[in-house]
Amino acid sequence: MARFIPTAQRAFVSAASKTLTNSIQSRIASASSLLQFNPYATSQTHKSPFTANIIRILSNEIEYQHDYAPPHQPATSFNSFTVRDRPGEKWMTMRGKYGEYEEIKIEVTMFDGCVFVPKPGEDSTGENVVLHISLLVDISKGQGYPDMEFLCSAWPDHLEIQKVYLLNRDKTIINPYMGRDLRRIGSFRGHLVITWKKGE
């Protein structure tokens, strides 16, 4: 069982990150084809002065951004957390402390899912896209206490707890949370301390 959580973590992150990969790549390819500027095409087709001026402005702006604008630097902190970006990967790690002994590690994916919901309003038509990310949260309280691990789903307006594990210091499972379904973080908050103490 000692290898279960790390293996499950890698499988979870890998599966989550592949959910929207195909659709995202196709959208990027479509956008790239629209944004590409072909000088030969413009020379063969007569452009109005307005269109030619817009193309010239856009071309100059693209050249400026490419040559002079500084590259985007990833964030290294968020509130009380330090942020470790992973270039080329689809997830990042955040670390923080609560109090003197409690350490928190959060591993966050990119957007890895979505649902379509009706647009608000009686007369509105169509749907809105609500994006989802996955989180793996590890909380360590120091020597003598078990670690807690939460597998979570994050939506724009709430956080769902899918799985809860109590772990020994060597990351073996003591006991999964067997209580009632507490998917919302607000509902789970009242049971958090009790669950922790049961694992001591």
N, C-alpha and C. Protein backbone atom coordinates (compact mmCIF):
# COMPACT_ATOMS: atom_id res chain seq x y z
N MET A 1 0.82 -1.22 0.00
CA MET A 1 0.00 0.00 0.00
C MET A 1 0.85 1.26 0.00
N ALA A 2 2.15 1.11 0.34
CA ALA A 2 2.98 2.32 0.46
C ALA A 2 3.09 3.06 -0.85
N ARG A 3 2.95 2.33 -1.96
CA ARG A 3 3.09 3.00 -3.25
C ARG A 3 1.75 3.40 -3.83
N PHE A 4 0.66 3.16 -3.08
CA PHE A 4 -0.68 3.40 -3.66
C PHE A 4 -0.94 4.86 -3.93
N ILE A 5 -0.68 5.71 -2.90
CA ILE A 5 -1.03 7.13 -3.05
C ILE A 5 -0.18 7.81 -4.12
N PRO A 6 1.18 7.66 -4.10
CA PRO A 6 1.95 8.29 -5.18
C PRO A 6 1.54 7.81 -6.55
N THR A 7 1.24 6.47 -6.68
CA THR A 7 0.82 5.94 -7.97
C THR A 7 -0.52 6.51 -8.37
N ALA A 8 -1.46 6.55 -7.40
CA ALA A 8 -2.77 7.12 -7.69
C ALA A 8 -2.67 8.58 -8.04
N GLN A 9 -1.76 9.28 -7.36
CA GLN A 9 -1.58 10.72 -7.64
C GLN A 9 -1.11 10.93 -9.06
N ARG A 10 -0.11 10.14 -9.49
CA ARG A 10 0.39 10.31 -10.85
C ARG A 10 -0.68 9.97 -11.87
N ALA A 11 -1.44 8.88 -11.59
CA ALA A 11 -2.49 8.50 -12.52
C ALA A 11 -3.58 9.54 -12.58
N PHE A 12 -3.92 10.10 -11.41
CA PHE A 12 -4.96 11.14 -11.35
C PHE A 12 -4.55 12.37 -12.13
N VAL A 13 -3.33 12.84 -11.90
CA VAL A 13 -2.87 14.06 -12.59
C VAL A 13 -2.78 13.82 -14.09
N SER A 14 -2.30 12.61 -14.48
CA SER A 14 -2.17 12.33 -15.90
C SER A 14 -3.52 12.26 -16.58
N ALA A 15 -4.48 11.55 -15.92
CA ALA A 15 -5.81 11.43 -16.51
C ALA A 15 -6.52 12.75 -16.58
N ALA A 16 -6.38 13.54 -15.50
CA ALA A 16 -7.07 14.83 -15.47
C ALA A 16 -6.57 15.76 -16.54
N SER A 17 -5.26 15.76 -16.75
CA SER A 17 -4.68 16.72 -17.70
C SER A 17 -5.00 16.38 -19.14
N LYS A 18 -5.45 15.13 -19.41
CA LYS A 18 -5.73 14.73 -20.79
C LYS A 18 -7.18 14.96 -21.19
N THR A 19 -8.03 15.41 -20.27
CA THR A 19 -9.47 15.48 -20.54
C THR A 19 -9.80 16.37 -21.70
N LEU A 20 -9.22 17.59 -21.72
CA LEU A 20 -9.56 18.56 -22.77
C LEU A 20 -8.43 18.77 -23.77
N THR A 21 -7.41 17.92 -23.75
CA THR A 21 -6.24 18.17 -24.58
C THR A 21 -6.59 18.24 -26.06
N ASN A 22 -7.40 17.28 -26.54
CA ASN A 22 -7.70 17.25 -27.97
C ASN A 22 -8.46 18.48 -28.41
N SER A 23 -9.50 18.86 -27.65
CA SER A 23 -10.28 20.03 -28.05
C SER A 23 -9.47 21.31 -27.96
N ILE A 24 -8.61 21.43 -26.94
CA ILE A 24 -7.78 22.62 -26.80
C ILE A 24 -6.80 22.71 -27.96
N GLN A 25 -6.16 21.60 -28.30
CA GLN A 25 -5.20 21.62 -29.40
C GLN A 25 -5.86 22.00 -30.71
N SER A 26 -7.08 21.48 -30.95
CA SER A 26 -7.77 21.82 -32.20
C SER A 26 -8.13 23.29 -32.24
N ARG A 27 -8.52 23.85 -31.07
CA ARG A 27 -8.85 25.27 -31.02
C ARG A 27 -7.61 26.14 -31.25
N ILE A 28 -6.49 25.72 -30.66
CA ILE A 28 -5.25 26.47 -30.87
C ILE A 28 -4.84 26.45 -32.34
N ALA A 29 -4.99 25.28 -32.96
CA ALA A 29 -4.64 25.19 -34.38
C ALA A 29 -5.53 26.08 -35.22
N SER A 30 -6.83 26.11 -34.90
CA SER A 30 -7.75 26.96 -35.65
C SER A 30 -7.41 28.43 -35.46
N ALA A 31 -7.12 28.82 -34.21
CA ALA A 31 -6.78 30.21 -33.95
C ALA A 31 -5.48 30.60 -34.63
N SER A 32 -4.51 29.69 -34.64
CA SER A 32 -3.23 30.00 -35.27
C SER A 32 -3.40 30.23 -36.77
N SER A 33 -4.25 29.41 -37.39
CA SER A 33 -4.46 29.58 -38.83
C SER A 33 -5.13 30.89 -39.14
N LEU A 34 -5.98 31.37 -38.23
CA LEU A 34 -6.65 32.65 -38.45
C LEU A 34 -5.72 33.83 -38.23
N LEU A 35 -4.76 33.68 -37.31
CA LEU A 35 -3.89 34.79 -36.96
C LEU A 35 -2.66 34.90 -37.86
N GLN A 36 -2.37 33.83 -38.58
CA GLN A 36 -1.18 33.88 -39.43
C GLN A 36 -1.38 34.88 -40.56
N PHE A 37 -0.34 35.61 -40.85
CA PHE A 37 -0.40 36.68 -41.86
C PHE A 37 0.44 36.27 -43.05
N ASN A 38 -0.20 36.16 -44.20
CA ASN A 38 0.48 35.71 -45.41
C ASN A 38 0.70 36.91 -46.33
N PRO A 39 1.93 37.40 -46.48
CA PRO A 39 2.17 38.58 -47.31
C PRO A 39 1.87 38.35 -48.78
N TYR A 40 2.00 37.08 -49.22
CA TYR A 40 1.73 36.80 -50.62
C TYR A 40 0.25 36.93 -50.94
N ALA A 41 -0.59 36.54 -50.00
CA ALA A 41 -2.03 36.64 -50.22
C ALA A 41 -2.46 38.09 -50.34
N THR A 42 -1.88 38.97 -49.51
CA THR A 42 -2.28 40.38 -49.55
C THR A 42 -1.82 41.05 -50.83
N SER A 43 -0.71 40.60 -51.39
CA SER A 43 -0.22 41.22 -52.62
C SER A 43 -1.05 40.82 -53.82
N GLN A 44 -1.74 39.67 -53.72
CA GLN A 44 -2.52 39.20 -54.84
C GLN A 44 -3.96 39.71 -54.79
N THR A 45 -4.41 40.19 -53.64
CA THR A 45 -5.79 40.61 -53.49
C THR A 45 -5.82 42.10 -53.17
N HIS A 46 -6.67 42.82 -53.86
CA HIS A 46 -6.79 44.26 -53.62
C HIS A 46 -7.44 44.50 -52.27
N LYS A 47 -6.81 45.31 -51.42
CA LYS A 47 -7.33 45.64 -50.10
C LYS A 47 -7.77 47.10 -50.08
N SER A 48 -8.84 47.36 -49.38
CA SER A 48 -9.26 48.74 -49.20
C SER A 48 -8.24 49.45 -48.32
N PRO A 49 -8.15 50.79 -48.40
CA PRO A 49 -7.21 51.52 -47.53
C PRO A 49 -7.42 51.24 -46.05
N PHE A 50 -8.68 51.09 -45.64
CA PHE A 50 -8.96 50.81 -44.22
C PHE A 50 -8.40 49.45 -43.81
N THR A 51 -8.66 48.41 -44.64
CA THR A 51 -8.16 47.07 -44.33
C THR A 51 -6.64 47.03 -44.32
N ALA A 52 -6.03 47.69 -45.31
CA ALA A 52 -4.57 47.71 -45.36
C ALA A 52 -3.98 48.40 -44.15
N ASN A 53 -4.63 49.45 -43.68
CA ASN A 53 -4.14 50.17 -42.50
C ASN A 53 -4.24 49.30 -41.25
N ILE A 54 -5.36 48.58 -41.11
CA ILE A 54 -5.53 47.68 -39.96
C ILE A 54 -4.46 46.59 -39.97
N ILE A 55 -4.21 46.01 -41.14
CA ILE A 55 -3.19 44.96 -41.25
C ILE A 55 -1.82 45.51 -40.88
N ARG A 56 -1.52 46.71 -41.34
CA ARG A 56 -0.22 47.32 -41.02
C ARG A 56 -0.07 47.55 -39.52
N ILE A 57 -1.13 48.05 -38.87
CA ILE A 57 -1.09 48.30 -37.42
C ILE A 57 -0.89 46.99 -36.66
N LEU A 58 -1.63 45.96 -37.05
CA LEU A 58 -1.50 44.67 -36.38
C LEU A 58 -0.11 44.08 -36.58
N SER A 59 0.42 44.19 -37.78
CA SER A 59 1.76 43.66 -38.05
C SER A 59 2.81 44.38 -37.22
N ASN A 60 2.70 45.69 -37.10
CA ASN A 60 3.66 46.45 -36.29
C ASN A 60 3.55 46.08 -34.82
N GLU A 61 2.33 45.87 -34.34
CA GLU A 61 2.14 45.51 -32.93
C GLU A 61 2.72 44.13 -32.64
N ILE A 62 2.50 43.20 -33.57
CA ILE A 62 3.05 41.85 -33.39
C ILE A 62 4.57 41.89 -33.36
N GLU A 63 5.17 42.66 -34.26
CA GLU A 63 6.63 42.77 -34.27
C GLU A 63 7.15 43.40 -32.99
N TYR A 64 6.45 44.42 -32.49
CA TYR A 64 6.89 45.08 -31.25
C TYR A 64 6.82 44.11 -30.07
N GLN A 65 5.69 43.40 -29.95
CA GLN A 65 5.55 42.46 -28.84
C GLN A 65 6.61 41.37 -28.92
N HIS A 66 6.93 40.95 -30.12
CA HIS A 66 7.93 39.90 -30.28
C HIS A 66 9.33 40.38 -29.93
N ASP A 67 9.65 41.61 -30.30
CA ASP A 67 11.02 42.11 -30.15
C ASP A 67 11.29 42.81 -28.82
N TYR A 68 10.30 43.51 -28.27
CA TYR A 68 10.57 44.40 -27.14
C TYR A 68 9.81 44.05 -25.86
N ALA A 69 8.64 43.45 -25.98
CA ALA A 69 7.86 43.17 -24.77
C ALA A 69 8.55 42.09 -23.95
N PRO A 70 8.69 42.28 -22.65
CA PRO A 70 9.34 41.26 -21.82
C PRO A 70 8.49 40.00 -21.75
N PRO A 71 9.12 38.84 -21.68
CA PRO A 71 8.36 37.60 -21.59
C PRO A 71 7.60 37.52 -20.27
N HIS A 72 6.49 36.81 -20.32
CA HIS A 72 5.68 36.65 -19.11
C HIS A 72 6.42 35.81 -18.08
N GLN A 73 6.50 36.32 -16.88
CA GLN A 73 7.14 35.59 -15.79
C GLN A 73 6.06 34.94 -14.92
N PRO A 74 6.14 33.63 -14.70
CA PRO A 74 5.12 32.97 -13.88
C PRO A 74 5.17 33.48 -12.44
N ALA A 75 4.02 33.45 -11.80
CA ALA A 75 3.93 33.90 -10.40
C ALA A 75 4.73 32.96 -9.50
N THR A 76 5.38 33.52 -8.51
CA THR A 76 6.13 32.72 -7.54
C THR A 76 5.46 32.68 -6.18
N SER A 77 4.36 33.42 -6.01
CA SER A 77 3.64 33.41 -4.75
C SER A 77 2.17 33.73 -5.00
N PHE A 78 1.34 33.24 -4.09
CA PHE A 78 -0.09 33.54 -4.12
C PHE A 78 -0.57 33.58 -2.68
N ASN A 79 -0.94 34.79 -2.23
CA ASN A 79 -1.27 35.00 -0.82
C ASN A 79 -0.11 34.49 0.04
N SER A 80 -0.37 33.54 0.94
CA SER A 80 0.70 33.05 1.82
C SER A 80 1.40 31.83 1.25
N PHE A 81 1.10 31.43 0.02
CA PHE A 81 1.67 30.23 -0.58
C PHE A 81 2.80 30.60 -1.54
N THR A 82 3.82 29.76 -1.56
CA THR A 82 4.81 29.84 -2.62
C THR A 82 4.33 28.97 -3.78
N VAL A 83 4.65 29.39 -4.99
CA VAL A 83 4.17 28.70 -6.18
C VAL A 83 5.36 28.20 -6.98
N ARG A 84 5.35 26.93 -7.30
CA ARG A 84 6.38 26.33 -8.14
C ARG A 84 5.76 25.94 -9.47
N ASP A 85 6.09 26.70 -10.49
CA ASP A 85 5.57 26.39 -11.82
C ASP A 85 6.36 25.23 -12.41
N ARG A 86 5.71 24.48 -13.30
CA ARG A 86 6.35 23.35 -13.96
C ARG A 86 6.24 23.55 -15.46
N PRO A 87 7.18 24.28 -16.07
CA PRO A 87 7.10 24.57 -17.51
C PRO A 87 6.99 23.29 -18.33
N GLY A 88 6.06 23.30 -19.27
CA GLY A 88 5.86 22.14 -20.13
C GLY A 88 4.92 21.11 -19.56
N GLU A 89 4.53 21.26 -18.30
CA GLU A 89 3.60 20.33 -17.68
C GLU A 89 2.27 21.03 -17.46
N LYS A 90 1.27 20.24 -17.10
CA LYS A 90 -0.09 20.77 -16.98
C LYS A 90 -0.53 20.87 -15.52
N TRP A 91 0.42 21.05 -14.61
CA TRP A 91 0.07 21.23 -13.21
C TRP A 91 1.18 21.98 -12.51
N MET A 92 0.88 22.50 -11.31
CA MET A 92 1.85 23.25 -10.52
C MET A 92 1.68 22.87 -9.05
N THR A 93 2.66 23.28 -8.24
CA THR A 93 2.66 22.97 -6.81
C THR A 93 2.68 24.25 -6.00
N MET A 94 1.83 24.31 -4.97
CA MET A 94 1.79 25.44 -4.04
C MET A 94 2.08 24.91 -2.64
N ARG A 95 2.88 25.65 -1.88
CA ARG A 95 3.21 25.26 -0.51
C ARG A 95 2.98 26.44 0.43
N GLY A 96 2.49 26.11 1.63
CA GLY A 96 2.25 27.15 2.63
C GLY A 96 2.23 26.56 4.02
N LYS A 97 2.13 27.43 5.02
CA LYS A 97 2.08 27.00 6.42
C LYS A 97 0.89 27.67 7.10
N TYR A 98 0.33 26.93 8.05
CA TYR A 98 -0.74 27.47 8.87
C TYR A 98 -0.32 27.29 10.32
N GLY A 99 -0.14 28.39 11.02
CA GLY A 99 0.36 28.28 12.38
C GLY A 99 1.83 27.93 12.39
N GLU A 100 2.26 27.31 13.48
CA GLU A 100 3.68 27.02 13.65
C GLU A 100 4.10 25.71 13.04
N TYR A 101 3.20 24.72 13.01
CA TYR A 101 3.61 23.38 12.63
C TYR A 101 2.90 22.84 11.39
N GLU A 102 1.77 23.38 11.03
CA GLU A 102 0.95 22.79 9.97
C GLU A 102 1.46 23.21 8.59
N GLU A 103 1.83 22.24 7.78
CA GLU A 103 2.32 22.49 6.43
C GLU A 103 1.29 22.01 5.41
N ILE A 104 1.11 22.80 4.36
CA ILE A 104 0.10 22.51 3.35
C ILE A 104 0.77 22.47 1.98
N LYS A 105 0.49 21.41 1.23
CA LYS A 105 0.96 21.31 -0.15
C LYS A 105 -0.25 21.08 -1.05
N ILE A 106 -0.35 21.89 -2.11
CA ILE A 106 -1.47 21.78 -3.04
C ILE A 106 -0.90 21.57 -4.44
N GLU A 107 -1.34 20.51 -5.09
CA GLU A 107 -0.96 20.26 -6.48
C GLU A 107 -2.20 20.50 -7.34
N VAL A 108 -2.08 21.42 -8.30
CA VAL A 108 -3.22 21.92 -9.06
C VAL A 108 -3.00 21.66 -10.54
N THR A 109 -4.03 21.14 -11.21
CA THR A 109 -3.96 20.94 -12.65
C THR A 109 -4.38 22.22 -13.37
N MET A 110 -4.15 22.25 -14.68
CA MET A 110 -4.78 23.25 -15.52
C MET A 110 -6.27 22.91 -15.63
N PHE A 111 -7.03 23.73 -16.37
CA PHE A 111 -8.42 23.38 -16.61
C PHE A 111 -8.47 21.99 -17.25
N ASP A 112 -9.17 21.06 -16.59
CA ASP A 112 -9.18 19.69 -17.07
C ASP A 112 -10.59 19.15 -17.29
N GLY A 113 -11.58 20.01 -17.29
CA GLY A 113 -12.95 19.58 -17.52
C GLY A 113 -13.87 20.77 -17.59
N CYS A 114 -15.10 20.53 -18.01
CA CYS A 114 -16.07 21.61 -18.08
C CYS A 114 -17.47 21.02 -18.12
N VAL A 115 -18.44 21.84 -17.78
CA VAL A 115 -19.85 21.50 -17.94
C VAL A 115 -20.53 22.68 -18.62
N PHE A 116 -21.64 22.40 -19.27
CA PHE A 116 -22.41 23.44 -19.93
C PHE A 116 -23.68 23.69 -19.12
N VAL A 117 -23.91 24.92 -18.76
CA VAL A 117 -25.08 25.29 -17.96
C VAL A 117 -25.87 26.35 -18.71
N PRO A 118 -27.19 26.39 -18.51
CA PRO A 118 -28.01 27.40 -19.19
C PRO A 118 -27.60 28.80 -18.75
N LYS A 119 -27.66 29.74 -19.67
CA LYS A 119 -27.39 31.13 -19.33
C LYS A 119 -28.49 31.66 -18.42
N PRO A 120 -28.14 32.51 -17.45
CA PRO A 120 -29.15 33.02 -16.52
C PRO A 120 -30.13 33.95 -17.23
N GLY A 121 -31.33 34.04 -16.66
CA GLY A 121 -32.35 34.92 -17.23
C GLY A 121 -33.41 34.13 -17.97
N GLU A 122 -34.64 34.58 -17.87
CA GLU A 122 -35.74 33.86 -18.49
C GLU A 122 -35.69 33.92 -20.01
N ASP A 123 -35.24 35.05 -20.56
CA ASP A 123 -35.25 35.24 -22.00
C ASP A 123 -33.95 34.83 -22.68
N SER A 124 -32.96 34.42 -21.89
CA SER A 124 -31.67 34.10 -22.48
C SER A 124 -31.69 32.73 -23.13
N THR A 125 -30.92 32.59 -24.17
CA THR A 125 -30.77 31.31 -24.85
C THR A 125 -29.30 30.94 -24.90
N GLY A 126 -29.04 29.66 -25.13
CA GLY A 126 -27.66 29.21 -25.19
C GLY A 126 -27.15 28.74 -23.84
N GLU A 127 -25.88 28.42 -23.79
CA GLU A 127 -25.26 27.86 -22.59
C GLU A 127 -23.94 28.56 -22.28
N ASN A 128 -23.59 28.56 -21.01
CA ASN A 128 -22.29 29.02 -20.55
C ASN A 128 -21.40 27.82 -20.26
N VAL A 129 -20.10 28.00 -20.46
CA VAL A 129 -19.14 26.95 -20.15
C VAL A 129 -18.56 27.22 -18.76
N VAL A 130 -18.67 26.24 -17.86
CA VAL A 130 -18.12 26.34 -16.51
C VAL A 130 -16.91 25.42 -16.44
N LEU A 131 -15.74 26.00 -16.19
CA LEU A 131 -14.49 25.24 -16.21
C LEU A 131 -14.19 24.62 -14.85
N HIS A 132 -13.42 23.55 -14.86
CA HIS A 132 -13.10 22.75 -13.67
C HIS A 132 -11.61 22.50 -13.61
N ILE A 133 -11.05 22.51 -12.39
CA ILE A 133 -9.68 22.07 -12.17
C ILE A 133 -9.67 21.06 -11.03
N SER A 134 -8.64 20.24 -10.97
CA SER A 134 -8.49 19.23 -9.93
C SER A 134 -7.35 19.60 -8.99
N LEU A 135 -7.52 19.27 -7.72
CA LEU A 135 -6.52 19.58 -6.70
C LEU A 135 -6.24 18.35 -5.86
N LEU A 136 -4.98 18.20 -5.48
CA LEU A 136 -4.57 17.21 -4.49
C LEU A 136 -3.93 17.98 -3.34
N VAL A 137 -4.56 17.94 -2.17
CA VAL A 137 -4.14 18.74 -1.03
C VAL A 137 -3.59 17.82 0.06
N ASP A 138 -2.34 18.05 0.46
CA ASP A 138 -1.71 17.31 1.56
C ASP A 138 -1.50 18.25 2.73
N ILE A 139 -1.93 17.83 3.93
CA ILE A 139 -1.77 18.62 5.14
C ILE A 139 -0.98 17.80 6.15
N SER A 140 0.13 18.34 6.61
CA SER A 140 0.99 17.68 7.59
C SER A 140 1.05 18.54 8.84
N LYS A 141 0.80 17.91 9.99
CA LYS A 141 0.78 18.65 11.25
C LYS A 141 2.00 18.38 12.11
N GLY A 142 2.95 17.64 11.58
CA GLY A 142 4.17 17.41 12.34
C GLY A 142 4.21 16.03 12.97
N GLN A 143 5.29 15.78 13.69
CA GLN A 143 5.53 14.48 14.30
C GLN A 143 4.41 14.14 15.28
N GLY A 144 3.97 12.88 15.21
CA GLY A 144 2.93 12.42 16.12
C GLY A 144 1.52 12.54 15.57
N TYR A 145 1.37 13.17 14.43
CA TYR A 145 0.06 13.32 13.81
C TYR A 145 0.07 12.68 12.43
N PRO A 146 -1.04 12.08 12.02
CA PRO A 146 -1.10 11.56 10.65
C PRO A 146 -1.24 12.71 9.65
N ASP A 147 -0.79 12.46 8.43
CA ASP A 147 -1.05 13.42 7.36
C ASP A 147 -2.47 13.21 6.84
N MET A 148 -3.01 14.27 6.27
CA MET A 148 -4.32 14.18 5.64
C MET A 148 -4.17 14.53 4.17
N GLU A 149 -4.85 13.78 3.32
CA GLU A 149 -4.80 14.02 1.88
C GLU A 149 -6.22 14.12 1.34
N PHE A 150 -6.46 15.19 0.56
CA PHE A 150 -7.78 15.46 0.00
C PHE A 150 -7.67 15.47 -1.52
N LEU A 151 -8.53 14.72 -2.17
CA LEU A 151 -8.67 14.79 -3.61
C LEU A 151 -9.90 15.64 -3.90
N CYS A 152 -9.71 16.78 -4.57
CA CYS A 152 -10.77 17.79 -4.67
C CYS A 152 -11.05 18.16 -6.12
N SER A 153 -12.29 18.61 -6.34
CA SER A 153 -12.71 19.20 -7.60
C SER A 153 -13.06 20.65 -7.34
N ALA A 154 -12.46 21.56 -8.11
CA ALA A 154 -12.67 22.99 -7.91
C ALA A 154 -13.49 23.56 -9.06
N TRP A 155 -14.57 24.25 -8.70
CA TRP A 155 -15.43 24.95 -9.64
C TRP A 155 -15.39 26.45 -9.31
N PRO A 156 -15.88 27.31 -10.19
CA PRO A 156 -15.79 28.75 -9.91
C PRO A 156 -16.44 29.18 -8.60
N ASP A 157 -17.50 28.48 -8.17
CA ASP A 157 -18.24 28.93 -6.99
C ASP A 157 -18.16 27.98 -5.81
N HIS A 158 -17.47 26.85 -5.92
CA HIS A 158 -17.37 25.95 -4.78
C HIS A 158 -16.25 24.94 -5.00
N LEU A 159 -15.88 24.27 -3.90
CA LEU A 159 -14.84 23.25 -3.91
C LEU A 159 -15.45 21.95 -3.39
N GLU A 160 -15.34 20.87 -4.16
CA GLU A 160 -15.87 19.57 -3.76
C GLU A 160 -14.73 18.67 -3.31
N ILE A 161 -14.93 17.99 -2.18
CA ILE A 161 -13.97 17.01 -1.68
C ILE A 161 -14.43 15.63 -2.13
N GLN A 162 -13.64 15.00 -3.00
CA GLN A 162 -14.02 13.70 -3.54
C GLN A 162 -13.54 12.55 -2.66
N LYS A 163 -12.32 12.63 -2.16
CA LYS A 163 -11.73 11.56 -1.35
C LYS A 163 -10.93 12.18 -0.22
N VAL A 164 -10.91 11.51 0.94
CA VAL A 164 -10.10 11.94 2.08
C VAL A 164 -9.35 10.72 2.60
N TYR A 165 -8.04 10.88 2.85
CA TYR A 165 -7.22 9.80 3.37
C TYR A 165 -6.43 10.29 4.57
N LEU A 166 -6.27 9.41 5.56
CA LEU A 166 -5.34 9.62 6.66
C LEU A 166 -4.11 8.76 6.39
N LEU A 167 -2.93 9.38 6.43
CA LEU A 167 -1.70 8.71 6.04
C LEU A 167 -0.70 8.71 7.18
N ASN A 168 0.07 7.61 7.27
CA ASN A 168 1.22 7.59 8.16
C ASN A 168 2.32 8.48 7.59
N ARG A 169 3.39 8.67 8.35
CA ARG A 169 4.50 9.49 7.88
C ARG A 169 5.16 8.90 6.65
N ASP A 170 5.06 7.57 6.46
CA ASP A 170 5.63 6.95 5.26
C ASP A 170 4.63 6.89 4.11
N LYS A 171 3.51 7.64 4.25
CA LYS A 171 2.48 7.78 3.21
C LYS A 171 1.63 6.53 3.01
N THR A 172 1.68 5.58 3.94
CA THR A 172 0.75 4.46 3.87
C THR A 172 -0.59 4.88 4.45
N ILE A 173 -1.67 4.30 3.93
CA ILE A 173 -3.01 4.70 4.34
C ILE A 173 -3.34 4.11 5.71
N ILE A 174 -3.75 4.97 6.63
CA ILE A 174 -4.27 4.50 7.91
C ILE A 174 -5.71 4.06 7.74
N ASN A 175 -6.51 4.98 7.20
CA ASN A 175 -7.93 4.70 7.04
C ASN A 175 -8.55 5.76 6.15
N PRO A 176 -9.27 5.37 5.10
CA PRO A 176 -9.99 6.39 4.33
C PRO A 176 -11.16 6.92 5.12
N TYR A 177 -11.57 8.12 4.80
CA TYR A 177 -12.73 8.71 5.48
C TYR A 177 -13.97 7.92 5.10
N MET A 178 -14.68 7.39 6.10
CA MET A 178 -15.85 6.54 5.88
C MET A 178 -17.14 7.20 6.35
N GLY A 179 -17.10 8.49 6.61
CA GLY A 179 -18.30 9.18 7.08
C GLY A 179 -19.27 9.49 5.95
N ARG A 180 -20.25 10.33 6.27
CA ARG A 180 -21.26 10.69 5.27
C ARG A 180 -20.64 11.55 4.18
N ASP A 181 -21.37 11.66 3.08
CA ASP A 181 -20.88 12.40 1.92
C ASP A 181 -20.82 13.89 2.24
N LEU A 182 -19.61 14.43 2.25
CA LEU A 182 -19.40 15.85 2.55
C LEU A 182 -18.59 16.46 1.41
N ARG A 183 -19.23 16.68 0.30
CA ARG A 183 -18.51 17.15 -0.88
C ARG A 183 -18.18 18.63 -0.80
N ARG A 184 -19.01 19.42 -0.17
CA ARG A 184 -18.76 20.86 -0.11
C ARG A 184 -17.83 21.18 1.05
N ILE A 185 -16.87 22.05 0.82
CA ILE A 185 -15.87 22.36 1.85
C ILE A 185 -16.53 22.98 3.07
N GLY A 186 -17.61 23.73 2.88
CA GLY A 186 -18.29 24.33 4.02
C GLY A 186 -18.91 23.29 4.93
N SER A 187 -19.48 22.23 4.34
CA SER A 187 -20.08 21.17 5.14
C SER A 187 -19.02 20.33 5.83
N PHE A 188 -17.87 20.18 5.17
CA PHE A 188 -16.82 19.33 5.72
C PHE A 188 -16.06 19.99 6.86
N ARG A 189 -16.10 21.31 6.92
CA ARG A 189 -15.26 22.04 7.87
C ARG A 189 -15.56 21.63 9.31
N GLY A 190 -16.83 21.39 9.62
CA GLY A 190 -17.19 21.06 10.99
C GLY A 190 -16.72 19.68 11.43
N HIS A 191 -16.39 18.81 10.45
CA HIS A 191 -15.96 17.45 10.78
C HIS A 191 -14.45 17.26 10.66
N LEU A 192 -13.75 18.28 10.22
CA LEU A 192 -12.34 18.13 9.92
C LEU A 192 -11.52 17.81 11.16
N VAL A 193 -11.71 18.54 12.24
CA VAL A 193 -10.93 18.33 13.46
C VAL A 193 -11.25 16.97 14.07
N ILE A 194 -12.52 16.58 14.04
CA ILE A 194 -12.92 15.29 14.61
C ILE A 194 -12.26 14.15 13.84
N THR A 195 -12.29 14.22 12.52
CA THR A 195 -11.68 13.18 11.70
C THR A 195 -10.19 13.08 11.95
N TRP A 196 -9.53 14.23 12.08
CA TRP A 196 -8.09 14.27 12.33
C TRP A 196 -7.76 13.57 13.64
N LYS A 197 -8.53 13.88 14.71
CA LYS A 197 -8.25 13.32 16.02
C LYS A 197 -8.47 11.81 16.04
N LYS A 198 -9.41 11.31 15.25
CA LYS A 198 -9.64 9.87 15.21
C LYS A 198 -8.44 9.12 14.65
N GLY A 199 -7.64 9.80 13.83
CA GLY A 199 -6.48 9.14 13.24
C GLY A 199 -5.26 9.15 14.12
N GLU A 200 -5.30 9.81 15.29
CA GLU A 200 -4.12 9.89 16.15
C GLU A 200 -3.78 8.53 16.74
